Amino acid sequence: MNPRIGFVTAVASELEPQLRFAGNGEFDYVEILMDGPHSRERLTSNRGTIRQILDDHGLGLLVHLPFPTDIGSPYESVRSGAVETQSACIDAAAELGAEKAVLHPESSAWSVAWDDAELREYINESVSKLNAYGNSRHVEICAENIFGSPYTIEHIDGLLAATDTSLTLDTGHARVTSHDPTETAAFVADHADRISHVHLNDTRRPADEHLPFGAGNLDFGPIFEAFPTDWHGTLSLEVGTQSLDYLRESRSQLERYL
């Protein structure tokens, strides 16, 4: 296992200091969450500065596409608008030089009225379109397992079978869906060829806590060991913090595993 390591940016903090921190902290890339103050329009207007900082520090770039945009809506006009929005974000990501874009394959449709199996068909259609569009812009789309959605880790085989998308494995989301580390490791062993990206989301319990890496009790050992030795994907520390110190310590804790 020879991954590159980065972190997901915090929308509550200014972006440029986070980028410079990544370069000075020996990260390989940053994953910009394209929402709020770091939305597509704002990133585009500041593209030159962002690209200069990345280049000055030798940093790669990934993006996390905004959510939820309801690419699985049963209403065609809503669904097509969501795909159009995400396509525009992929354009912005490509212009910034991003190599991968994380996508939530989900729907906000009312679960009482719409069956998950039907929603998966709508999601599959949208993901296929976005994956093809990403390929045309040289941005790899990496769909993420989302708890409480039609595509939890237990069902995401269907998305992989129906589309050519790559996968983002979120460790915390897997735990919320009642996957223990052994079960998540088994998933990795079966799907390593499709897993391009990982969100390292540490937790103390089956909840989406986004703790500093090592602050929870999720046992990452079996998960990392399940990856083949020649896996060259990306690992993003997904820490719910505005403290760069917590990111620095998370990086240190991750090195002990690797």
C-alpha atoms as a PDB file:
ATOM      1  CA  MET A   1       0.000   0.000   0.000  1.00  0.00           C
ATOM      2  CA  ASN A   2       1.587   3.237  -1.172  1.00  0.00           C
ATOM      3  CA  PRO A   3      -1.083   5.945  -0.903  1.00  0.00           C
ATOM      4  CA  ARG A   4      -0.925   9.696  -1.174  1.00  0.00           C
ATOM      5  CA  ILE A   5      -2.254  11.549   1.873  1.00  0.00           C
ATOM      6  CA  GLY A   6      -4.375  14.684   2.090  1.00  0.00           C
ATOM      7  CA  PHE A   7      -7.271  16.155   4.015  1.00  0.00           C
ATOM      8  CA  VAL A   8     -10.733  17.560   3.343  1.00  0.00           C
ATOM      9  CA  THR A   9     -10.867  21.324   3.812  1.00  0.00           C
ATOM     10  CA  ALA A  10     -13.188  22.924   6.355  1.00  0.00           C
ATOM     11  CA  VAL A  11     -15.806  25.272   4.909  1.00  0.00           C
ATOM     12  CA  ALA A  12     -15.854  27.223   8.180  1.00  0.00           C
ATOM     13  CA  SER A  13     -12.208  28.274   7.747  1.00  0.00           C
ATOM     14  CA  GLU A  14     -10.474  30.379   5.121  1.00  0.00           C
ATOM     15  CA  LEU A  15      -9.195  28.257   2.278  1.00  0.00           C
ATOM     16  CA  GLU A  16      -5.795  29.782   1.544  1.00  0.00           C
ATOM     17  CA  PRO A  17      -4.295  29.172   5.023  1.00  0.00           C
ATOM     18  CA  GLN A  18      -5.450  25.547   4.777  1.00  0.00           C
ATOM     19  CA  LEU A  19      -3.714  25.152   1.428  1.00  0.00           C
ATOM     20  CA  ARG A  20      -0.468  26.618   2.744  1.00  0.00           C
ATOM     21  CA  PHE A  21      -0.681  24.430   5.835  1.00  0.00           C
ATOM     22  CA  ALA A  22      -1.023  21.363   3.608  1.00  0.00           C
ATOM     23  CA  GLY A  23       2.135  22.289   1.734  1.00  0.00           C
ATOM     24  CA  ASN A  24       4.118  23.004   4.888  1.00  0.00           C
ATOM     25  CA  GLY A  25       2.743  19.920   6.653  1.00  0.00           C
ATOM     26  CA  GLU A  26       4.021  17.492   4.039  1.00  0.00           C
ATOM     27  CA  PHE A  27       0.615  16.515   2.699  1.00  0.00           C
ATOM     28  CA  ASP A  28       0.471  15.338  -0.890  1.00  0.00           C
ATOM     29  CA  TYR A  29      -2.775  17.056  -1.843  1.00  0.00           C
ATOM     30  CA  VAL A  30      -5.848  18.831  -0.514  1.00  0.00           C
ATOM     31  CA  GLU A  31      -9.488  17.880  -1.067  1.00  0.00           C
ATOM     32  CA  ILE A  32     -11.499  21.086  -1.363  1.00  0.00           C
ATOM     33  CA  LEU A  33     -15.127  20.796  -0.241  1.00  0.00           C
ATOM     34  CA  MET A  34     -16.924  22.848  -2.904  1.00  0.00           C
ATOM     35  CA  ASP A  35     -19.659  24.430  -0.817  1.00  0.00           C
ATOM     36  CA  GLY A  36     -20.479  27.634   1.046  1.00  0.00           C
ATOM     37  CA  PRO A  37     -17.524  30.037   0.964  1.00  0.00           C
ATOM     38  CA  HIS A  38     -15.658  27.532  -1.210  1.00  0.00           C
ATOM     39  CA  SER A  39     -18.438  27.080  -3.753  1.00  0.00           C
ATOM     40  CA  ARG A  40     -17.789  26.704  -7.458  1.00  0.00           C
ATOM     41  CA  GLU A  41     -18.344  30.368  -8.246  1.00  0.00           C
ATOM     42  CA  ARG A  42     -16.021  31.571  -5.496  1.00  0.00           C
ATOM     43  CA  LEU A  43     -13.314  29.067  -6.337  1.00  0.00           C
ATOM     44  CA  THR A  44     -13.452  30.055  -9.984  1.00  0.00           C
ATOM     45  CA  SER A  45     -13.118  33.754  -9.187  1.00  0.00           C
ATOM     46  CA  ASN A  46     -10.035  32.966  -7.078  1.00  0.00           C
ATOM     47  CA  ARG A  47      -8.604  30.318  -9.393  1.00  0.00           C
ATOM     48  CA  GLY A  48      -5.277  32.028 -10.063  1.00  0.00           C
ATOM     49  CA  THR A  49      -4.395  32.414  -6.384  1.00  0.00           C
ATOM     50  CA  ILE A  50      -5.443  28.865  -5.522  1.00  0.00           C
ATOM     51  CA  ARG A  51      -3.465  27.392  -8.401  1.00  0.00           C
ATOM     52  CA  GLN A  52      -0.407  29.440  -7.479  1.00  0.00           C
ATOM     53  CA  ILE A  53      -0.426  28.204  -3.869  1.00  0.00           C
ATOM     54  CA  LEU A  54      -0.827  24.596  -5.007  1.00  0.00           C
ATOM     55  CA  ASP A  55       2.021  24.953  -7.479  1.00  0.00           C
ATOM     56  CA  ASP A  56       4.299  26.722  -5.006  1.00  0.00           C
ATOM     57  CA  HIS A  57       3.912  23.852  -2.537  1.00  0.00           C
ATOM     58  CA  GLY A  58       3.839  20.985  -5.036  1.00  0.00           C
ATOM     59  CA  LEU A  59       0.340  20.002  -3.944  1.00  0.00           C
ATOM     60  CA  GLY A  60      -2.137  17.875  -5.857  1.00  0.00           C
ATOM     61  CA  LEU A  61      -5.847  18.664  -5.830  1.00  0.00           C
ATOM     62  CA  LEU A  62      -9.025  16.687  -5.293  1.00  0.00           C
ATOM     63  CA  VAL A  63     -12.493  18.139  -4.784  1.00  0.00           C
ATOM     64  CA  HIS A  64     -15.587  17.049  -2.920  1.00  0.00           C
ATOM     65  CA  LEU A  65     -18.620  17.980  -4.990  1.00  0.00           C
ATOM     66  CA  PRO A  66     -21.406  19.816  -3.103  1.00  0.00           C
ATOM     67  CA  PHE A  67     -24.213  17.885  -1.422  1.00  0.00           C
ATOM     68  CA  PRO A  68     -27.045  17.224  -1.374  1.00  0.00           C
ATOM     69  CA  THR A  69     -27.962  18.188  -4.934  1.00  0.00           C
ATOM     70  CA  ASP A  70     -30.458  15.337  -5.390  1.00  0.00           C
ATOM     71  CA  ILE A  71     -29.021  13.570  -8.409  1.00  0.00           C
ATOM     72  CA  GLY A  72     -31.402  10.715  -7.517  1.00  0.00           C
ATOM     73  CA  SER A  73     -34.616  12.737  -7.466  1.00  0.00           C
ATOM     74  CA  PRO A  74     -37.618  10.942  -8.997  1.00  0.00           C
ATOM     75  CA  TYR A  75     -38.563  14.288 -10.555  1.00  0.00           C
ATOM     76  CA  GLU A  76     -36.782  14.661 -13.883  1.00  0.00           C
ATOM     77  CA  SER A  77     -36.475  18.441 -13.770  1.00  0.00           C
ATOM     78  CA  VAL A  78     -34.901  18.325 -10.301  1.00  0.00           C
ATOM     79  CA  ARG A  79     -32.594  15.474 -11.276  1.00  0.00           C
ATOM     80  CA  SER A  80     -31.436  17.121 -14.497  1.00  0.00           C
ATOM     81  CA  GLY A  81     -30.827  20.387 -12.657  1.00  0.00           C
ATOM     82  CA  ALA A  82     -28.703  18.549 -10.100  1.00  0.00           C
ATOM     83  CA  VAL A  83     -26.660  16.873 -12.832  1.00  0.00           C
ATOM     84  CA  GLU A  84     -26.203  20.245 -14.536  1.00  0.00           C
ATOM     85  CA  THR A  85     -25.011  21.780 -11.257  1.00  0.00           C
ATOM     86  CA  GLN A  86     -22.542  18.972 -10.626  1.00  0.00           C
ATOM     87  CA  SER A  87     -21.303  19.153 -14.207  1.00  0.00           C
ATOM     88  CA  ALA A  88     -20.552  22.854 -13.738  1.00  0.00           C
ATOM     89  CA  CYS A  89     -18.641  21.966 -10.573  1.00  0.00           C
ATOM     90  CA  ILE A  90     -16.663  19.354 -12.509  1.00  0.00           C
ATOM     91  CA  ASP A  91     -15.802  22.076 -15.042  1.00  0.00           C
ATOM     92  CA  ALA A  92     -14.507  24.276 -12.225  1.00  0.00           C
ATOM     93  CA  ALA A  93     -12.567  21.370 -10.744  1.00  0.00           C
ATOM     94  CA  ALA A  94     -10.957  20.635 -14.108  1.00  0.00           C
ATOM     95  CA  GLU A  95      -9.978  24.287 -14.542  1.00  0.00           C
ATOM     96  CA  LEU A  96      -8.291  24.157 -11.125  1.00  0.00           C
ATOM     97  CA  GLY A  97      -6.412  21.007 -12.113  1.00  0.00           C
ATOM     98  CA  ALA A  98      -8.257  18.530  -9.866  1.00  0.00           C
ATOM     99  CA  GLU A  99      -7.665  14.852 -10.577  1.00  0.00           C
ATOM    100  CA  LYS A 100     -10.599  13.376  -8.631  1.00  0.00           C
ATOM    101  CA  ALA A 101     -14.061  14.504  -7.520  1.00  0.00           C
ATOM    102  CA  VAL A 102     -15.986  12.835  -4.694  1.00  0.00           C
ATOM    103  CA  LEU A 103     -19.706  12.457  -5.417  1.00  0.00           C
ATOM    104  CA  HIS A 104     -22.606  11.575  -3.094  1.00  0.00           C
ATOM    105  CA  PRO A 105     -24.866   9.092  -4.930  1.00  0.00           C
ATOM    106  CA  GLU A 106     -28.001   9.944  -2.981  1.00  0.00           C
ATOM    107  CA  SER A 107     -31.560  11.224  -3.128  1.00  0.00           C
ATOM    108  CA  SER A 108     -33.582  13.391  -0.770  1.00  0.00           C
ATOM    109  CA  ALA A 109     -36.845  11.840  -1.961  1.00  0.00           C
ATOM    110  CA  TRP A 110     -39.402  11.041   0.747  1.00  0.00           C
ATOM    111  CA  SER A 111     -38.695   7.465   1.813  1.00  0.00           C
ATOM    112  CA  VAL A 112     -42.362   6.803   2.612  1.00  0.00           C
ATOM    113  CA  ALA A 113     -43.323   7.471  -0.994  1.00  0.00           C
ATOM    114  CA  TRP A 114     -40.314   6.214  -2.955  1.00  0.00           C
ATOM    115  CA  ASP A 115     -38.672   2.812  -2.782  1.00  0.00           C
ATOM    116  CA  ASP A 116     -34.865   2.656  -2.581  1.00  0.00           C
ATOM    117  CA  ALA A 117     -34.697   0.238  -5.503  1.00  0.00           C
ATOM    118  CA  GLU A 118     -36.444   2.780  -7.738  1.00  0.00           C
ATOM    119  CA  LEU A 119     -34.272   5.627  -6.489  1.00  0.00           C
ATOM    120  CA  ARG A 120     -31.147   3.600  -7.261  1.00  0.00           C
ATOM    121  CA  GLU A 121     -32.166   3.537 -10.919  1.00  0.00           C
ATOM    122  CA  TYR A 122     -32.329   7.331 -10.993  1.00  0.00           C
ATOM    123  CA  ILE A 123     -29.003   7.581  -9.166  1.00  0.00           C
ATOM    124  CA  ASN A 124     -27.376   5.117 -11.565  1.00  0.00           C
ATOM    125  CA  GLU A 125     -28.516   7.208 -14.532  1.00  0.00           C
ATOM    126  CA  SER A 126     -27.095  10.411 -13.046  1.00  0.00           C
ATOM    127  CA  VAL A 127     -23.827   8.851 -11.917  1.00  0.00           C
ATOM    128  CA  SER A 128     -23.292   7.380 -15.387  1.00  0.00           C
ATOM    129  CA  LYS A 129     -23.760  10.818 -16.946  1.00  0.00           C
ATOM    130  CA  LEU A 130     -21.459  12.513 -14.440  1.00  0.00           C
ATOM    131  CA  ASN A 131     -18.835   9.809 -14.710  1.00  0.00           C
ATOM    132  CA  ALA A 132     -18.779  10.182 -18.498  1.00  0.00           C
ATOM    133  CA  TYR A 133     -18.619  13.954 -18.165  1.00  0.00           C
ATOM    134  CA  GLY A 134     -15.802  13.683 -15.643  1.00  0.00           C
ATOM    135  CA  ASN A 135     -13.870  11.464 -18.033  1.00  0.00           C
ATOM    136  CA  SER A 136     -14.271  14.069 -20.771  1.00  0.00           C
ATOM    137  CA  ARG A 137     -12.789  16.688 -18.427  1.00  0.00           C
ATOM    138  CA  HIS A 138     -10.051  14.341 -17.127  1.00  0.00           C
ATOM    139  CA  VAL A 139     -11.543  14.313 -13.614  1.00  0.00           C
ATOM    140  CA  GLU A 140     -12.092  10.890 -12.029  1.00  0.00           C
ATOM    141  CA  ILE A 141     -15.504  10.624 -10.344  1.00  0.00           C
ATOM    142  CA  CYS A 142     -15.410   8.699  -7.046  1.00  0.00           C
ATOM    143  CA  ALA A 143     -18.873   7.872  -5.678  1.00  0.00           C
ATOM    144  CA  GLU A 144     -19.061   7.565  -1.879  1.00  0.00           C
ATOM    145  CA  ASN A 145     -20.936   5.109   0.327  1.00  0.00           C
ATOM    146  CA  ILE A 146     -23.532   7.192   2.202  1.00  0.00           C
ATOM    147  CA  PHE A 147     -25.316   5.990   5.346  1.00  0.00           C
ATOM    148  CA  GLY A 148     -29.094   6.424   5.394  1.00  0.00           C
ATOM    149  CA  SER A 149     -29.217   6.517   1.600  1.00  0.00           C
ATOM    150  CA  PRO A 150     -30.109   4.046  -1.161  1.00  0.00           C
ATOM    151  CA  TYR A 151     -26.372   3.432  -1.552  1.00  0.00           C
ATOM    152  CA  THR A 152     -24.947   2.428   1.788  1.00  0.00           C
ATOM    153  CA  ILE A 153     -21.883   0.198   1.778  1.00  0.00           C
ATOM    154  CA  GLU A 154     -24.271  -2.773   1.868  1.00  0.00           C
ATOM    155  CA  HIS A 155     -25.860  -1.849  -1.460  1.00  0.00           C
ATOM    156  CA  ILE A 156     -23.179   0.020  -3.380  1.00  0.00           C
ATOM    157  CA  ASP A 157     -22.257  -3.122  -5.328  1.00  0.00           C
ATOM    158  CA  GLY A 158     -25.294  -2.249  -7.441  1.00  0.00           C
ATOM    159  CA  LEU A 159     -23.832   1.137  -8.381  1.00  0.00           C
ATOM    160  CA  LEU A 160     -20.479  -0.425  -9.248  1.00  0.00           C
ATOM    161  CA  ALA A 161     -22.216  -3.001 -11.433  1.00  0.00           C
ATOM    162  CA  ALA A 162     -24.400  -0.428 -13.203  1.00  0.00           C
ATOM    163  CA  THR A 163     -21.717   2.212 -13.817  1.00  0.00           C
ATOM    164  CA  ASP A 164     -17.994   2.586 -14.415  1.00  0.00           C
ATOM    165  CA  THR A 165     -17.523   5.016 -11.521  1.00  0.00           C
ATOM    166  CA  SER A 166     -14.673   4.699  -9.068  1.00  0.00           C
ATOM    167  CA  LEU A 167     -15.434   4.453  -5.365  1.00  0.00           C
ATOM    168  CA  THR A 168     -14.714   6.576  -2.321  1.00  0.00           C
ATOM    169  CA  LEU A 169     -14.806   4.397   0.793  1.00  0.00           C
ATOM    170  CA  ASP A 170     -15.874   6.376   3.872  1.00  0.00           C
ATOM    171  CA  THR A 171     -14.875   4.427   6.984  1.00  0.00           C
ATOM    172  CA  GLY A 172     -17.215   6.298   9.337  1.00  0.00           C
ATOM    173  CA  HIS A 173     -20.199   5.887   7.034  1.00  0.00           C
ATOM    174  CA  ALA A 174     -19.468   2.168   6.890  1.00  0.00           C
ATOM    175  CA  ARG A 175     -19.520   2.006  10.679  1.00  0.00           C
ATOM    176  CA  VAL A 176     -22.819   3.908  10.888  1.00  0.00           C
ATOM    177  CA  THR A 177     -24.212   1.220   8.562  1.00  0.00           C
ATOM    178  CA  SER A 178     -23.166  -1.394  11.169  1.00  0.00           C
ATOM    179  CA  HIS A 179     -20.003  -2.538   9.383  1.00  0.00           C
ATOM    180  CA  ASP A 180     -17.290  -3.366  11.902  1.00  0.00           C
ATOM    181  CA  PRO A 181     -13.618  -3.122  10.825  1.00  0.00           C
ATOM    182  CA  THR A 182     -13.514  -6.805   9.850  1.00  0.00           C
ATOM    183  CA  GLU A 183     -16.539  -6.406   7.578  1.00  0.00           C
ATOM    184  CA  THR A 184     -15.160  -3.193   6.071  1.00  0.00           C
ATOM    185  CA  ALA A 185     -11.842  -4.959   5.488  1.00  0.00           C
ATOM    186  CA  ALA A 186     -13.687  -7.749   3.665  1.00  0.00           C
ATOM    187  CA  PHE A 187     -15.374  -5.119   1.494  1.00  0.00           C
ATOM    188  CA  VAL A 188     -11.975  -3.610   0.693  1.00  0.00           C
ATOM    189  CA  ALA A 189     -10.541  -7.002  -0.223  1.00  0.00           C
ATOM    190  CA  ASP A 190     -13.425  -7.574  -2.642  1.00  0.00           C
ATOM    191  CA  HIS A 191     -13.460  -4.083  -4.174  1.00  0.00           C
ATOM    192  CA  ALA A 192      -9.907  -2.727  -4.012  1.00  0.00           C
ATOM    193  CA  ASP A 193      -9.805  -2.523  -7.801  1.00  0.00           C
ATOM    194  CA  ARG A 194     -12.666   0.021  -7.733  1.00  0.00           C
ATOM    195  CA  ILE A 195     -11.666   1.929  -4.580  1.00  0.00           C
ATOM    196  CA  SER A 196      -9.643   4.911  -5.739  1.00  0.00           C
ATOM    197  CA  HIS A 197     -10.113   7.124  -2.701  1.00  0.00           C
ATOM    198  CA  VAL A 198     -10.756   6.767   1.048  1.00  0.00           C
ATOM    199  CA  HIS A 199     -12.228   9.153   3.586  1.00  0.00           C
ATOM    200  CA  LEU A 200     -10.621   8.395   6.954  1.00  0.00           C
ATOM    201  CA  ASN A 201     -13.521   9.286   9.230  1.00  0.00           C
ATOM    202  CA  ASP A 202     -12.782   8.192  12.815  1.00  0.00           C
ATOM    203  CA  THR A 203     -15.571   7.613  15.344  1.00  0.00           C
ATOM    204  CA  ARG A 204     -16.170   6.478  18.925  1.00  0.00           C
ATOM    205  CA  ARG A 205     -19.512   4.875  18.099  1.00  0.00           C
ATOM    206  CA  PRO A 206     -21.731   4.243  15.048  1.00  0.00           C
ATOM    207  CA  ALA A 207     -22.095   7.952  14.273  1.00  0.00           C
ATOM    208  CA  ASP A 208     -20.703  10.336  11.661  1.00  0.00           C
ATOM    209  CA  GLU A 209     -18.355  12.083  14.107  1.00  0.00           C
ATOM    210  CA  HIS A 210     -15.358  13.034  11.921  1.00  0.00           C
ATOM    211  CA  LEU A 211     -12.959  12.932  14.862  1.00  0.00           C
ATOM    212  CA  PRO A 212      -9.235  13.601  14.554  1.00  0.00           C
ATOM    213  CA  PHE A 213      -7.625  10.409  13.308  1.00  0.00           C
ATOM    214  CA  GLY A 214      -6.773   8.223  16.296  1.00  0.00           C
ATOM    215  CA  ALA A 215      -9.170  10.032  18.655  1.00  0.00           C
ATOM    216  CA  GLY A 216     -11.906   7.467  18.053  1.00  0.00           C
ATOM    217  CA  ASN A 217     -11.856   3.719  18.522  1.00  0.00           C
ATOM    218  CA  LEU A 218     -12.290   2.595  14.926  1.00  0.00           C
ATOM    219  CA  ASP A 219      -9.629  -0.044  14.275  1.00  0.00           C
ATOM    220  CA  PHE A 220      -8.095   0.926  10.941  1.00  0.00           C
ATOM    221  CA  GLY A 221      -5.480  -1.839  11.014  1.00  0.00           C
ATOM    222  CA  PRO A 222      -7.545  -4.580   9.328  1.00  0.00           C
ATOM    223  CA  ILE A 223      -8.892  -2.081   6.787  1.00  0.00           C
ATOM    224  CA  PHE A 224      -5.436  -0.939   5.693  1.00  0.00           C
ATOM    225  CA  GLU A 225      -4.134  -4.503   5.657  1.00  0.00           C
ATOM    226  CA  ALA A 226      -6.921  -5.524   3.257  1.00  0.00           C
ATOM    227  CA  PHE A 227      -5.569  -3.251   0.517  1.00  0.00           C
ATOM    228  CA  PRO A 228      -3.130  -4.921  -1.882  1.00  0.00           C
ATOM    229  CA  THR A 229       0.484  -3.869  -1.536  1.00  0.00           C
ATOM    230  CA  ASP A 230       0.406  -2.217  -4.966  1.00  0.00           C
ATOM    231  CA  TRP A 231      -2.628   0.014  -4.201  1.00  0.00           C
ATOM    232  CA  HIS A 232      -1.745   3.617  -5.066  1.00  0.00           C
ATOM    233  CA  GLY A 233      -4.930   5.493  -4.190  1.00  0.00           C
ATOM    234  CA  THR A 234      -5.550   8.562  -2.044  1.00  0.00           C
ATOM    235  CA  LEU A 235      -6.361   8.812   1.669  1.00  0.00           C
ATOM    236  CA  SER A 236      -8.120  11.940   2.928  1.00  0.00           C
ATOM    237  CA  LEU A 237      -8.271  12.734   6.623  1.00  0.00           C
ATOM    238  CA  GLU A 238     -11.854  13.928   7.039  1.00  0.00           C
ATOM    239  CA  VAL A 239     -11.711  15.749  10.357  1.00  0.00           C
ATOM    240  CA  GLY A 240     -14.527  17.991  11.578  1.00  0.00           C
ATOM    241  CA  THR A 241     -12.310  20.749  12.931  1.00  0.00           C
ATOM    242  CA  GLN A 242     -11.068  24.265  12.280  1.00  0.00           C
ATOM    243  CA  SER A 243      -7.857  23.450  14.161  1.00  0.00           C
ATOM    244  CA  LEU A 244      -4.841  22.832  11.991  1.00  0.00           C
ATOM    245  CA  ASP A 245      -3.161  21.287  15.039  1.00  0.00           C
ATOM    246  CA  TYR A 246      -5.707  18.465  14.982  1.00  0.00           C
ATOM    247  CA  LEU A 247      -4.907  17.859  11.316  1.00  0.00           C
ATOM    248  CA  ARG A 248      -1.186  17.820  12.090  1.00  0.00           C
ATOM    249  CA  GLU A 249      -1.696  15.267  14.865  1.00  0.00           C
ATOM    250  CA  SER A 250      -3.995  13.211  12.618  1.00  0.00           C
ATOM    251  CA  ARG A 251      -1.252  13.068   9.996  1.00  0.00           C
ATOM    252  CA  SER A 252       1.204  11.893  12.639  1.00  0.00           C
ATOM    253  CA  GLN A 253      -1.173   9.183  13.896  1.00  0.00           C
ATOM    254  CA  LEU A 254      -1.808   7.964  10.351  1.00  0.00           C
ATOM    255  CA  GLU A 255       1.925   7.608   9.704  1.00  0.00           C
ATOM    256  CA  ARG A 256       2.127   5.150  12.608  1.00  0.00           C
ATOM    257  CA  TYR A 257      -0.356   2.900  10.836  1.00  0.00           C
ATOM    258  CA  LEU A 258       1.319   3.151   7.461  1.00  0.00           C
END
